[in-house]
N, C-alpha and C. Protein backbone atom coordinates (compact mmCIF):
# COMPACT_ATOMS: atom_id res chain seq x y z
N MET A 1 0.85 -1.18 0.00
CA MET A 1 0.00 0.00 0.00
C MET A 1 0.89 1.24 0.00
N GLY A 2 0.57 2.19 -0.83
CA GLY A 2 1.36 3.41 -0.94
C GLY A 2 0.97 4.44 0.11
N SER A 3 1.44 5.64 -0.10
CA SER A 3 1.18 6.74 0.82
C SER A 3 -0.32 7.04 0.88
N GLN A 4 -0.78 7.39 2.06
CA GLN A 4 -2.19 7.77 2.25
C GLN A 4 -2.35 9.28 2.39
N GLN A 5 -1.26 10.01 2.16
CA GLN A 5 -1.32 11.46 2.27
C GLN A 5 -2.23 12.02 1.18
N VAL A 6 -3.10 12.95 1.56
CA VAL A 6 -4.06 13.54 0.63
C VAL A 6 -3.73 15.01 0.42
N CYS A 7 -3.69 15.44 -0.83
CA CYS A 7 -3.49 16.84 -1.17
C CYS A 7 -4.76 17.32 -1.88
N TRP A 8 -5.57 18.08 -1.17
CA TRP A 8 -6.87 18.46 -1.73
C TRP A 8 -6.75 19.37 -2.94
N THR A 9 -5.67 20.15 -3.04
CA THR A 9 -5.57 21.09 -4.16
C THR A 9 -5.43 20.35 -5.49
N THR A 10 -4.78 19.19 -5.49
CA THR A 10 -4.68 18.44 -6.75
C THR A 10 -6.04 17.89 -7.15
N VAL A 11 -6.87 17.53 -6.17
CA VAL A 11 -8.23 17.07 -6.47
C VAL A 11 -9.04 18.23 -7.04
N LEU A 12 -8.93 19.40 -6.42
CA LEU A 12 -9.64 20.59 -6.91
C LEU A 12 -9.22 20.92 -8.34
N GLU A 13 -7.92 20.90 -8.59
CA GLU A 13 -7.43 21.22 -9.94
C GLU A 13 -7.96 20.23 -10.96
N PHE A 14 -8.01 18.95 -10.61
CA PHE A 14 -8.54 17.93 -11.52
C PHE A 14 -10.01 18.22 -11.85
N VAL A 15 -10.80 18.50 -10.82
CA VAL A 15 -12.23 18.77 -11.03
C VAL A 15 -12.42 20.04 -11.85
N GLU A 16 -11.62 21.06 -11.58
CA GLU A 16 -11.74 22.31 -12.35
C GLU A 16 -11.34 22.10 -13.81
N ARG A 17 -10.36 21.22 -14.08
CA ARG A 17 -9.99 20.94 -15.47
C ARG A 17 -11.14 20.28 -16.23
N LEU A 18 -12.05 19.64 -15.51
CA LEU A 18 -13.23 19.05 -16.14
C LEU A 18 -14.32 20.09 -16.37
N GLY A 19 -14.04 21.34 -15.99
CA GLY A 19 -15.00 22.42 -16.20
C GLY A 19 -16.03 22.55 -15.10
N ILE A 20 -15.73 22.00 -13.94
CA ILE A 20 -16.68 22.04 -12.82
C ILE A 20 -16.15 22.98 -11.75
N ASN A 21 -17.02 23.91 -11.34
CA ASN A 21 -16.69 24.80 -10.22
C ASN A 21 -17.39 24.24 -8.99
N PRO A 22 -16.65 23.64 -8.06
CA PRO A 22 -17.28 22.99 -6.92
C PRO A 22 -18.10 23.92 -6.03
N THR A 23 -17.89 25.22 -6.15
CA THR A 23 -18.63 26.15 -5.29
C THR A 23 -20.00 26.51 -5.86
N THR A 24 -20.28 26.13 -7.10
CA THR A 24 -21.54 26.54 -7.71
C THR A 24 -22.48 25.39 -8.04
N VAL A 25 -22.05 24.16 -7.81
CA VAL A 25 -22.92 23.02 -8.16
C VAL A 25 -23.83 22.67 -7.00
N LEU A 26 -24.82 21.84 -7.29
CA LEU A 26 -25.72 21.36 -6.25
C LEU A 26 -24.96 20.53 -5.23
N LEU A 27 -25.55 20.38 -4.08
CA LEU A 27 -24.99 19.49 -3.07
C LEU A 27 -25.51 18.09 -3.34
N ALA A 28 -24.61 17.13 -3.50
CA ALA A 28 -25.01 15.76 -3.81
C ALA A 28 -25.89 15.20 -2.70
N GLY A 29 -26.95 14.50 -3.11
CA GLY A 29 -27.84 13.85 -2.16
C GLY A 29 -29.05 14.67 -1.76
N THR A 30 -29.09 15.95 -2.15
CA THR A 30 -30.24 16.78 -1.80
C THR A 30 -31.43 16.38 -2.67
N PRO A 31 -32.65 16.75 -2.27
CA PRO A 31 -33.81 16.41 -3.09
C PRO A 31 -33.69 16.93 -4.53
N GLU A 32 -33.18 18.15 -4.68
CA GLU A 32 -33.01 18.71 -6.03
C GLU A 32 -32.04 17.86 -6.85
N TRP A 33 -30.95 17.42 -6.23
CA TRP A 33 -29.96 16.58 -6.91
C TRP A 33 -30.59 15.23 -7.26
N ASN A 34 -31.38 14.67 -6.35
CA ASN A 34 -32.02 13.37 -6.60
C ASN A 34 -32.98 13.42 -7.78
N GLN A 35 -33.59 14.57 -8.04
CA GLN A 35 -34.55 14.68 -9.13
C GLN A 35 -33.90 14.80 -10.49
N LEU A 36 -32.61 15.10 -10.53
CA LEU A 36 -31.92 15.21 -11.83
C LEU A 36 -31.79 13.82 -12.46
N PRO A 37 -31.88 13.75 -13.78
CA PRO A 37 -31.62 12.47 -14.44
C PRO A 37 -30.16 12.07 -14.24
N ASP A 38 -29.89 10.78 -14.24
CA ASP A 38 -28.53 10.29 -13.98
C ASP A 38 -27.51 10.80 -14.97
N ASP A 39 -27.94 11.12 -16.18
CA ASP A 39 -26.98 11.59 -17.19
C ASP A 39 -26.82 13.11 -17.20
N HIS A 40 -27.43 13.80 -16.25
CA HIS A 40 -27.32 15.26 -16.18
C HIS A 40 -25.91 15.62 -15.68
N PRO A 41 -25.22 16.54 -16.35
CA PRO A 41 -23.85 16.87 -15.94
C PRO A 41 -23.74 17.43 -14.52
N ASP A 42 -24.77 18.13 -14.05
CA ASP A 42 -24.72 18.68 -12.69
C ASP A 42 -24.74 17.59 -11.63
N LYS A 43 -25.30 16.43 -11.96
CA LYS A 43 -25.34 15.34 -10.99
C LYS A 43 -23.93 14.82 -10.73
N LEU A 44 -23.18 14.58 -11.79
CA LEU A 44 -21.79 14.13 -11.63
C LEU A 44 -20.95 15.26 -11.03
N GLY A 45 -21.20 16.49 -11.45
CA GLY A 45 -20.46 17.63 -10.91
C GLY A 45 -20.61 17.74 -9.40
N ALA A 46 -21.80 17.47 -8.91
CA ALA A 46 -22.04 17.54 -7.46
C ALA A 46 -21.27 16.44 -6.73
N VAL A 47 -21.21 15.26 -7.32
CA VAL A 47 -20.45 14.16 -6.70
C VAL A 47 -18.96 14.50 -6.69
N LEU A 48 -18.46 15.04 -7.79
CA LEU A 48 -17.05 15.43 -7.85
C LEU A 48 -16.75 16.56 -6.86
N ALA A 49 -17.68 17.50 -6.72
CA ALA A 49 -17.49 18.58 -5.74
C ALA A 49 -17.46 18.00 -4.33
N GLY A 50 -18.26 16.98 -4.09
CA GLY A 50 -18.23 16.30 -2.79
C GLY A 50 -16.87 15.66 -2.54
N GLY A 51 -16.26 15.13 -3.60
CA GLY A 51 -14.92 14.56 -3.48
C GLY A 51 -13.89 15.62 -3.13
N VAL A 52 -14.04 16.80 -3.70
CA VAL A 52 -13.13 17.91 -3.36
C VAL A 52 -13.29 18.25 -1.88
N HIS A 53 -14.53 18.36 -1.43
CA HIS A 53 -14.79 18.69 -0.03
C HIS A 53 -14.21 17.62 0.90
N HIS A 54 -14.41 16.36 0.56
CA HIS A 54 -13.91 15.26 1.39
C HIS A 54 -12.38 15.27 1.45
N SER A 55 -11.75 15.49 0.31
CA SER A 55 -10.29 15.51 0.30
C SER A 55 -9.75 16.70 1.10
N LEU A 56 -10.47 17.82 1.09
CA LEU A 56 -10.07 18.97 1.91
C LEU A 56 -10.13 18.60 3.40
N ARG A 57 -11.20 17.93 3.80
CA ARG A 57 -11.34 17.53 5.21
C ARG A 57 -10.23 16.57 5.62
N ILE A 58 -9.89 15.62 4.76
CA ILE A 58 -8.81 14.68 5.08
C ILE A 58 -7.48 15.42 5.17
N ASP A 59 -7.22 16.31 4.21
CA ASP A 59 -5.98 17.08 4.19
C ASP A 59 -5.83 17.89 5.49
N LEU A 60 -6.89 18.57 5.90
CA LEU A 60 -6.84 19.37 7.13
C LEU A 60 -6.64 18.50 8.36
N ALA A 61 -7.31 17.35 8.39
CA ALA A 61 -7.14 16.44 9.53
C ALA A 61 -5.71 15.94 9.62
N GLN A 62 -5.10 15.63 8.47
CA GLN A 62 -3.71 15.19 8.46
C GLN A 62 -2.79 16.29 8.98
N GLU A 63 -3.07 17.51 8.57
CA GLU A 63 -2.26 18.65 9.02
C GLU A 63 -2.38 18.84 10.53
N HIS A 64 -3.61 18.72 11.05
CA HIS A 64 -3.82 18.88 12.49
C HIS A 64 -3.14 17.77 13.28
N ARG A 65 -3.18 16.53 12.76
CA ARG A 65 -2.49 15.43 13.45
C ARG A 65 -0.98 15.67 13.47
N ALA A 66 -0.44 16.17 12.38
CA ALA A 66 1.00 16.45 12.32
C ALA A 66 1.36 17.55 13.32
N ASP A 67 0.53 18.59 13.41
CA ASP A 67 0.78 19.67 14.37
C ASP A 67 0.74 19.13 15.80
N ALA A 68 -0.26 18.30 16.09
CA ALA A 68 -0.38 17.73 17.44
C ALA A 68 0.83 16.86 17.76
N SER A 69 1.29 16.11 16.78
CA SER A 69 2.46 15.26 16.98
C SER A 69 3.69 16.09 17.34
N ARG A 70 3.87 17.20 16.63
CA ARG A 70 5.01 18.07 16.93
C ARG A 70 4.90 18.68 18.33
N GLU A 71 3.68 19.06 18.73
CA GLU A 71 3.48 19.62 20.07
C GLU A 71 3.77 18.59 21.16
N ILE A 72 3.32 17.37 20.94
CA ILE A 72 3.57 16.30 21.92
C ILE A 72 5.06 16.03 22.01
N CYS A 73 5.72 16.01 20.88
CA CYS A 73 7.17 15.76 20.85
C CYS A 73 7.92 16.82 21.65
N ALA A 74 7.49 18.06 21.55
CA ALA A 74 8.18 19.15 22.23
C ALA A 74 7.75 19.32 23.69
N ALA A 75 6.72 18.60 24.11
CA ALA A 75 6.14 18.82 25.44
C ALA A 75 6.95 18.23 26.57
N ALA A 76 7.81 17.27 26.30
CA ALA A 76 8.55 16.61 27.38
C ALA A 76 9.86 16.06 26.86
N ASP A 77 10.71 15.69 27.79
CA ASP A 77 11.97 15.03 27.46
C ASP A 77 11.68 13.53 27.36
N TRP A 78 11.19 13.11 26.19
CA TRP A 78 10.77 11.72 26.01
C TRP A 78 11.94 10.76 26.09
N THR A 79 13.11 11.18 25.64
CA THR A 79 14.30 10.32 25.73
C THR A 79 14.65 10.08 27.19
N GLY A 80 14.63 11.14 27.98
CA GLY A 80 14.91 11.01 29.41
C GLY A 80 13.89 10.14 30.12
N LEU A 81 12.63 10.31 29.77
CA LEU A 81 11.57 9.50 30.37
C LEU A 81 11.77 8.02 30.04
N ALA A 82 12.08 7.73 28.78
CA ALA A 82 12.33 6.34 28.38
C ALA A 82 13.52 5.77 29.14
N ARG A 83 14.55 6.57 29.31
CA ARG A 83 15.74 6.12 30.04
C ARG A 83 15.38 5.78 31.49
N ARG A 84 14.57 6.65 32.12
CA ARG A 84 14.16 6.38 33.51
C ARG A 84 13.30 5.13 33.61
N ILE A 85 12.43 4.93 32.65
CA ILE A 85 11.58 3.73 32.67
C ILE A 85 12.44 2.48 32.49
N ARG A 86 13.38 2.53 31.55
CA ARG A 86 14.25 1.38 31.30
C ARG A 86 15.13 1.04 32.49
N SER A 87 15.54 2.05 33.21
CA SER A 87 16.45 1.80 34.33
C SER A 87 15.72 1.25 35.55
N GLY A 88 14.44 1.16 35.49
CA GLY A 88 13.67 0.57 36.59
C GLY A 88 13.43 1.55 37.71
N ARG A 89 13.35 1.02 38.91
CA ARG A 89 13.01 1.84 40.07
C ARG A 89 14.21 2.59 40.63
N GLY A 90 15.38 2.25 40.15
CA GLY A 90 16.57 2.88 40.71
C GLY A 90 16.84 2.34 42.10
N ASP A 91 17.07 3.23 43.07
CA ASP A 91 17.38 2.82 44.43
C ASP A 91 16.14 2.42 45.23
N ALA A 92 14.99 2.74 44.73
CA ALA A 92 13.77 2.44 45.47
C ALA A 92 13.47 0.95 45.37
N TYR A 93 13.48 0.29 46.51
CA TYR A 93 13.14 -1.13 46.54
C TYR A 93 12.35 -1.39 47.80
N VAL A 94 11.20 -1.96 47.64
CA VAL A 94 10.36 -2.29 48.78
C VAL A 94 10.23 -3.80 48.81
N PRO A 95 10.83 -4.45 49.81
CA PRO A 95 10.75 -5.91 49.86
C PRO A 95 9.33 -6.37 50.19
N ARG A 96 9.00 -7.55 49.70
CA ARG A 96 7.68 -8.11 50.00
C ARG A 96 7.68 -8.67 51.41
N ARG A 97 6.53 -8.58 51.99
CA ARG A 97 6.35 -9.20 53.30
C ARG A 97 5.62 -10.51 53.07
N LYS A 98 6.07 -11.50 53.76
CA LYS A 98 5.38 -12.79 53.68
C LYS A 98 4.20 -12.75 54.64
N ARG A 99 3.08 -13.19 54.16
CA ARG A 99 1.90 -13.26 55.02
C ARG A 99 1.98 -14.52 55.87
N SER A 100 1.62 -14.37 57.07
CA SER A 100 1.58 -15.57 57.91
C SER A 100 0.21 -16.22 57.77
N ALA A 101 0.21 -17.50 57.72
CA ALA A 101 -1.03 -18.24 57.51
C ALA A 101 -1.82 -18.43 58.77
């Protein structure tokens, strides 16, 4: 499987090269859209515009996840934390007590 990164601008450019302005077409799935015949160009245009919108949402979500990842990375000394976890309890040792029966 290849990269899952989405670039919404390339989707927009593709749709615009087909002569469709995603901001002016019907919204796919609306009653008005449902009444159009299947071969009506506005019906396909609305579906393609929906694809532009969906790719924009994915692109923005990917950007937000990357920003959050950078913030988490900068929030703590993760290398130091891992080192402390790996080294165990250090000098702290609490022996077990045997229960008497």
